N, C-alpha and C. Protein backbone atom coordinates (compact mmCIF):
# COMPACT_ATOMS: atom_id res chain seq x y z
N MET A 1 -142.83 76.04 22.24
CA MET A 1 -142.50 74.68 21.83
C MET A 1 -140.99 74.59 21.61
N PRO A 2 -140.32 73.62 22.23
CA PRO A 2 -138.86 73.53 22.15
C PRO A 2 -138.33 72.84 20.89
N GLU A 3 -139.22 72.50 19.95
CA GLU A 3 -138.76 71.90 18.71
C GLU A 3 -139.59 72.44 17.55
N THR A 4 -138.93 72.61 16.40
CA THR A 4 -139.64 72.97 15.18
C THR A 4 -139.31 71.92 14.13
N VAL A 5 -140.27 71.65 13.27
CA VAL A 5 -140.11 70.67 12.22
C VAL A 5 -140.53 71.32 10.91
N ALA A 6 -139.69 71.21 9.89
CA ALA A 6 -140.00 71.80 8.59
C ALA A 6 -139.37 70.99 7.47
N TYR A 7 -140.02 71.01 6.33
CA TYR A 7 -139.46 70.38 5.13
C TYR A 7 -138.70 71.44 4.36
N LEU A 8 -137.43 71.19 4.10
CA LEU A 8 -136.60 72.10 3.33
C LEU A 8 -136.57 71.58 1.89
N ASP A 9 -137.49 72.06 1.09
CA ASP A 9 -137.63 71.51 -0.26
C ASP A 9 -136.44 71.79 -1.16
N ASN A 10 -135.69 72.85 -0.89
CA ASN A 10 -134.54 73.16 -1.73
C ASN A 10 -133.41 72.13 -1.59
N ILE A 11 -133.37 71.41 -0.46
CA ILE A 11 -132.36 70.36 -0.29
C ILE A 11 -132.99 68.98 -0.01
N ASP A 12 -134.32 68.92 -0.06
CA ASP A 12 -135.07 67.67 0.13
C ASP A 12 -134.70 66.97 1.44
N VAL A 13 -134.85 67.71 2.54
CA VAL A 13 -134.53 67.21 3.87
C VAL A 13 -135.61 67.70 4.84
N ILE A 14 -135.95 66.85 5.78
CA ILE A 14 -136.83 67.27 6.88
C ILE A 14 -135.92 67.73 8.01
N LYS A 15 -136.09 68.95 8.46
CA LYS A 15 -135.23 69.49 9.51
C LYS A 15 -136.01 69.62 10.82
N VAL A 16 -135.43 69.06 11.86
CA VAL A 16 -135.96 69.22 13.22
C VAL A 16 -134.95 70.06 13.97
N GLU A 17 -135.40 71.17 14.51
CA GLU A 17 -134.52 72.00 15.32
C GLU A 17 -135.00 71.92 16.76
N SER A 18 -134.09 71.54 17.63
CA SER A 18 -134.42 71.33 19.03
C SER A 18 -133.61 72.28 19.89
N PHE A 19 -134.27 72.92 20.82
CA PHE A 19 -133.57 73.90 21.66
C PHE A 19 -134.20 73.94 23.05
N GLY A 20 -133.38 74.33 24.01
CA GLY A 20 -133.86 74.40 25.39
C GLY A 20 -134.06 73.01 25.96
N LYS A 21 -134.97 72.92 26.90
CA LYS A 21 -135.29 71.64 27.53
C LYS A 21 -136.44 70.98 26.78
N THR A 22 -136.27 69.71 26.47
CA THR A 22 -137.30 68.97 25.75
C THR A 22 -137.79 67.80 26.59
N THR A 23 -138.98 67.34 26.24
CA THR A 23 -139.57 66.19 26.92
C THR A 23 -139.79 65.08 25.89
N ILE A 24 -140.10 63.91 26.38
CA ILE A 24 -140.39 62.79 25.48
C ILE A 24 -141.61 63.12 24.62
N ASP A 25 -142.57 63.85 25.18
CA ASP A 25 -143.74 64.24 24.40
C ASP A 25 -143.36 65.18 23.26
N ASP A 26 -142.41 66.07 23.49
CA ASP A 26 -141.92 66.95 22.42
C ASP A 26 -141.32 66.10 21.31
N TRP A 27 -140.50 65.13 21.67
CA TRP A 27 -139.85 64.28 20.68
C TRP A 27 -140.86 63.46 19.89
N LYS A 28 -141.85 62.90 20.59
CA LYS A 28 -142.88 62.11 19.91
C LYS A 28 -143.70 62.98 18.97
N ASN A 29 -144.01 64.19 19.39
CA ASN A 29 -144.75 65.12 18.54
C ASN A 29 -143.94 65.46 17.29
N SER A 30 -142.66 65.72 17.46
CA SER A 30 -141.80 66.03 16.32
C SER A 30 -141.72 64.83 15.37
N LEU A 31 -141.58 63.63 15.91
CA LEU A 31 -141.52 62.44 15.06
C LEU A 31 -142.83 62.27 14.29
N ALA A 32 -143.96 62.54 14.92
CA ALA A 32 -145.25 62.47 14.23
C ALA A 32 -145.30 63.46 13.07
N GLN A 33 -144.74 64.64 13.28
CA GLN A 33 -144.69 65.64 12.21
C GLN A 33 -143.77 65.17 11.08
N VAL A 34 -142.65 64.56 11.43
CA VAL A 34 -141.73 64.02 10.42
C VAL A 34 -142.44 62.96 9.58
N ILE A 35 -143.17 62.08 10.23
CA ILE A 35 -143.90 61.02 9.53
C ILE A 35 -144.94 61.62 8.59
N GLN A 36 -145.63 62.66 9.03
CA GLN A 36 -146.63 63.33 8.19
C GLN A 36 -145.98 63.98 6.98
N ILE A 37 -144.86 64.65 7.19
CA ILE A 37 -144.14 65.29 6.08
C ILE A 37 -143.68 64.24 5.07
N ARG A 38 -143.22 63.10 5.56
CA ARG A 38 -142.79 62.04 4.63
C ARG A 38 -143.95 61.56 3.77
N LYS A 39 -145.12 61.45 4.38
CA LYS A 39 -146.30 61.03 3.60
C LYS A 39 -146.57 62.01 2.47
N GLU A 40 -146.34 63.28 2.72
CA GLU A 40 -146.62 64.33 1.74
C GLU A 40 -145.51 64.48 0.70
N THR A 41 -144.26 64.22 1.08
CA THR A 41 -143.11 64.53 0.22
C THR A 41 -142.29 63.33 -0.22
N LYS A 42 -142.46 62.20 0.42
CA LYS A 42 -141.65 60.99 0.20
C LYS A 42 -140.22 61.13 0.71
N CYS A 43 -139.90 62.22 1.40
CA CYS A 43 -138.56 62.46 1.93
C CYS A 43 -138.35 61.61 3.19
N SER A 44 -137.22 60.90 3.24
CA SER A 44 -136.93 60.07 4.41
C SER A 44 -135.64 60.49 5.10
N GLN A 45 -135.09 61.63 4.70
CA GLN A 45 -133.85 62.13 5.29
C GLN A 45 -134.19 63.21 6.31
N VAL A 46 -133.73 62.97 7.55
CA VAL A 46 -134.06 63.87 8.66
C VAL A 46 -132.78 64.44 9.25
N LEU A 47 -132.71 65.75 9.30
CA LEU A 47 -131.58 66.46 9.89
C LEU A 47 -132.05 67.05 11.21
N VAL A 48 -131.48 66.58 12.31
CA VAL A 48 -131.85 67.06 13.63
C VAL A 48 -130.74 67.96 14.16
N ASP A 49 -131.07 69.22 14.39
CA ASP A 49 -130.09 70.17 14.93
C ASP A 49 -130.35 70.28 16.43
N ALA A 50 -129.52 69.61 17.22
CA ALA A 50 -129.68 69.57 18.68
C ALA A 50 -128.62 70.41 19.39
N ARG A 51 -127.95 71.29 18.66
CA ARG A 51 -126.85 72.06 19.25
C ARG A 51 -127.30 73.03 20.33
N GLN A 52 -128.55 73.46 20.28
CA GLN A 52 -129.03 74.42 21.27
C GLN A 52 -129.85 73.76 22.38
N GLN A 53 -129.82 72.46 22.42
CA GLN A 53 -130.55 71.73 23.44
C GLN A 53 -129.75 71.75 24.74
N ASN A 54 -130.42 72.10 25.83
CA ASN A 54 -129.75 72.17 27.13
C ASN A 54 -129.70 70.82 27.84
N LYS A 55 -130.75 70.06 27.73
CA LYS A 55 -130.84 68.78 28.43
C LYS A 55 -131.67 67.84 27.59
N LEU A 56 -131.24 66.61 27.54
CA LEU A 56 -132.01 65.61 26.84
C LEU A 56 -132.81 64.78 27.84
N LEU A 57 -133.37 63.72 27.37
CA LEU A 57 -134.22 62.85 28.17
C LEU A 57 -133.39 61.99 29.11
N ASP A 58 -134.09 61.32 30.03
CA ASP A 58 -133.35 60.41 30.90
C ASP A 58 -133.00 59.15 30.11
N THR A 59 -132.18 58.32 30.68
CA THR A 59 -131.62 57.17 29.98
C THR A 59 -132.70 56.24 29.44
N MET A 60 -133.70 55.95 30.23
CA MET A 60 -134.75 55.02 29.79
C MET A 60 -135.56 55.61 28.64
N GLU A 61 -135.86 56.91 28.69
CA GLU A 61 -136.59 57.55 27.60
C GLU A 61 -135.75 57.55 26.32
N LEU A 62 -134.45 57.83 26.45
CA LEU A 62 -133.56 57.78 25.29
C LEU A 62 -133.54 56.37 24.68
N TYR A 63 -133.47 55.36 25.54
CA TYR A 63 -133.46 53.98 25.08
C TYR A 63 -134.74 53.64 24.32
N GLU A 64 -135.88 53.96 24.90
CA GLU A 64 -137.16 53.63 24.28
C GLU A 64 -137.36 54.39 22.97
N PHE A 65 -136.98 55.67 22.95
CA PHE A 65 -137.14 56.45 21.73
C PHE A 65 -136.21 55.94 20.63
N GLY A 66 -134.96 55.68 20.96
CA GLY A 66 -134.01 55.16 19.98
C GLY A 66 -134.45 53.81 19.43
N SER A 67 -135.03 52.98 20.28
CA SER A 67 -135.51 51.67 19.86
C SER A 67 -136.70 51.76 18.92
N SER A 68 -137.50 52.81 19.07
CA SER A 68 -138.74 52.91 18.31
C SER A 68 -138.62 53.75 17.03
N LEU A 69 -137.45 54.28 16.73
CA LEU A 69 -137.31 55.09 15.51
C LEU A 69 -137.61 54.23 14.27
N PRO A 70 -138.33 54.79 13.31
CA PRO A 70 -138.62 54.03 12.09
C PRO A 70 -137.34 53.75 11.30
N SER A 71 -137.19 52.54 10.85
CA SER A 71 -135.99 52.11 10.13
C SER A 71 -135.88 52.70 8.73
N GLU A 72 -137.00 53.13 8.16
CA GLU A 72 -136.97 53.64 6.78
C GLU A 72 -136.52 55.09 6.67
N TYR A 73 -136.16 55.70 7.77
CA TYR A 73 -135.67 57.07 7.78
C TYR A 73 -134.17 57.07 8.08
N GLN A 74 -133.49 58.13 7.63
CA GLN A 74 -132.10 58.37 8.01
C GLN A 74 -132.11 59.60 8.92
N PHE A 75 -131.43 59.51 10.04
CA PHE A 75 -131.36 60.61 10.99
C PHE A 75 -129.92 61.06 11.17
N ALA A 76 -129.63 62.27 10.74
CA ALA A 76 -128.33 62.90 10.96
C ALA A 76 -128.53 63.91 12.07
N VAL A 77 -127.83 63.72 13.19
CA VAL A 77 -128.03 64.57 14.37
C VAL A 77 -126.79 65.43 14.59
N ILE A 78 -127.00 66.74 14.61
CA ILE A 78 -125.90 67.66 14.87
C ILE A 78 -125.89 67.96 16.37
N THR A 79 -124.74 67.75 17.00
CA THR A 79 -124.62 67.93 18.45
C THR A 79 -123.62 69.03 18.78
N SER A 80 -123.59 69.35 20.06
CA SER A 80 -122.61 70.30 20.59
C SER A 80 -121.93 69.66 21.79
N ASP A 81 -120.98 70.36 22.37
CA ASP A 81 -120.32 69.85 23.57
C ASP A 81 -121.31 69.63 24.72
N ASN A 82 -122.37 70.42 24.76
CA ASN A 82 -123.36 70.31 25.84
C ASN A 82 -124.23 69.08 25.72
N THR A 83 -124.39 68.53 24.53
CA THR A 83 -125.33 67.42 24.33
C THR A 83 -124.68 66.15 23.80
N LEU A 84 -123.38 66.09 23.71
CA LEU A 84 -122.72 64.99 23.01
C LEU A 84 -122.98 63.62 23.63
N ASN A 85 -122.94 63.45 24.93
CA ASN A 85 -123.07 62.12 25.54
C ASN A 85 -124.46 61.52 25.37
N ASP A 86 -125.51 62.30 25.58
CA ASP A 86 -126.87 61.76 25.45
C ASP A 86 -127.18 61.33 24.02
N PRO A 87 -126.89 62.15 23.01
CA PRO A 87 -127.15 61.68 21.65
C PRO A 87 -126.30 60.46 21.27
N TYR A 88 -125.11 60.36 21.84
CA TYR A 88 -124.26 59.20 21.55
C TYR A 88 -124.96 57.91 22.01
N PHE A 89 -125.57 57.95 23.19
CA PHE A 89 -126.30 56.78 23.70
C PHE A 89 -127.49 56.48 22.79
N LEU A 90 -128.23 57.51 22.40
CA LEU A 90 -129.37 57.33 21.50
C LEU A 90 -128.92 56.74 20.17
N GLU A 91 -127.82 57.24 19.63
CA GLU A 91 -127.27 56.71 18.37
C GLU A 91 -126.92 55.23 18.52
N THR A 92 -126.29 54.86 19.62
CA THR A 92 -125.90 53.47 19.86
C THR A 92 -127.12 52.57 19.92
N VAL A 93 -128.13 52.98 20.66
CA VAL A 93 -129.35 52.19 20.78
C VAL A 93 -129.99 51.99 19.41
N ALA A 94 -130.13 53.08 18.66
CA ALA A 94 -130.78 53.00 17.35
C ALA A 94 -129.98 52.14 16.38
N ARG A 95 -128.68 52.37 16.32
CA ARG A 95 -127.85 51.63 15.36
C ARG A 95 -127.78 50.15 15.69
N ASN A 96 -127.83 49.80 16.99
CA ASN A 96 -127.85 48.39 17.38
C ASN A 96 -129.12 47.69 16.92
N ARG A 97 -130.12 48.47 16.54
CA ARG A 97 -131.38 47.93 16.05
C ARG A 97 -131.52 48.14 14.54
N GLY A 98 -130.42 48.47 13.88
CA GLY A 98 -130.42 48.59 12.42
C GLY A 98 -131.00 49.88 11.88
N LYS A 99 -131.09 50.90 12.71
CA LYS A 99 -131.66 52.17 12.28
C LYS A 99 -130.54 53.14 11.91
N PRO A 100 -130.62 53.77 10.74
CA PRO A 100 -129.56 54.66 10.30
C PRO A 100 -129.58 56.00 11.02
N VAL A 101 -128.77 56.10 12.06
CA VAL A 101 -128.63 57.31 12.86
C VAL A 101 -127.13 57.60 12.98
N GLN A 102 -126.75 58.84 12.74
CA GLN A 102 -125.34 59.22 12.81
C GLN A 102 -125.22 60.61 13.43
N LEU A 103 -124.21 60.79 14.28
CA LEU A 103 -123.95 62.09 14.91
C LEU A 103 -122.91 62.88 14.14
N PHE A 104 -123.09 64.20 14.15
CA PHE A 104 -122.16 65.11 13.47
C PHE A 104 -121.98 66.36 14.31
N ARG A 105 -120.95 67.11 13.97
CA ARG A 105 -120.67 68.36 14.67
C ARG A 105 -121.08 69.57 13.84
N THR A 106 -121.25 69.39 12.52
CA THR A 106 -121.61 70.53 11.67
C THR A 106 -122.76 70.17 10.73
N PHE A 107 -123.46 71.20 10.30
CA PHE A 107 -124.55 71.06 9.34
C PHE A 107 -124.02 70.47 8.03
N LYS A 108 -122.88 70.95 7.58
CA LYS A 108 -122.31 70.50 6.31
C LYS A 108 -122.00 69.00 6.33
N GLU A 109 -121.41 68.52 7.42
CA GLU A 109 -121.09 67.08 7.53
C GLU A 109 -122.38 66.25 7.55
N ALA A 110 -123.36 66.70 8.33
CA ALA A 110 -124.62 65.97 8.46
C ALA A 110 -125.35 65.89 7.13
N LEU A 111 -125.44 67.01 6.43
CA LEU A 111 -126.10 67.03 5.14
C LEU A 111 -125.34 66.18 4.13
N GLY A 112 -124.03 66.23 4.14
CA GLY A 112 -123.23 65.42 3.25
C GLY A 112 -123.49 63.94 3.45
N TRP A 113 -123.57 63.50 4.72
CA TRP A 113 -123.86 62.09 5.02
C TRP A 113 -125.25 61.69 4.52
N LEU A 114 -126.23 62.55 4.76
CA LEU A 114 -127.59 62.24 4.29
C LEU A 114 -127.62 62.07 2.78
N LYS A 115 -126.96 62.96 2.07
CA LYS A 115 -127.02 62.91 0.61
C LYS A 115 -126.17 61.78 0.03
N THR A 116 -125.08 61.44 0.69
CA THR A 116 -124.24 60.35 0.23
C THR A 116 -124.87 58.99 0.50
N ASN A 117 -125.61 58.89 1.58
CA ASN A 117 -126.21 57.63 1.99
C ASN A 117 -127.71 57.57 1.73
N ALA A 118 -128.20 58.38 0.79
CA ALA A 118 -129.64 58.45 0.52
C ALA A 118 -130.16 57.12 0.00
N TYR A 119 -131.33 56.80 0.47
CA TYR A 119 -132.05 55.64 -0.05
C TYR A 119 -133.52 55.94 0.02
N ALA A 120 -134.29 55.28 -0.77
CA ALA A 120 -135.74 55.55 -0.83
C ALA A 120 -136.48 54.61 0.08
C-alpha cells in the first residue's frame, strides 16, 4: 500500500504518509481512514507527507479530489522538488473552494501552521 494513515496522539495530528506511485483509490481510502480517525479522536488536523511520492494523479483526478475534500479539516501537505507542481494545483483547487489546504517544504513548518491555525 503506497500510503499509511495514523493518529499521532502526542501531537494530536492525523498523519498520512504517501510514497511511490499512488492512485485515486489509494487517496480515497486514506481519506476514509482520516474520517474514521476523526470520529474516534475529534482531530481535524491532517499532515500529509508527500515527499517520497513519485507521481501524483492526473489533472482531472487532482481537480475532483481537491474539490471534494471536507471543509472541516485542515490539510498541511509537505512536498519535495519531485512533487511540487501537482500538489500546488490540488492546493489551488481546494483553496478556491474554501478548504484549508497549505503546502510546505518541512515537517516543522507544516506542523507549526496546523497548530497556529487550529480550529475545532
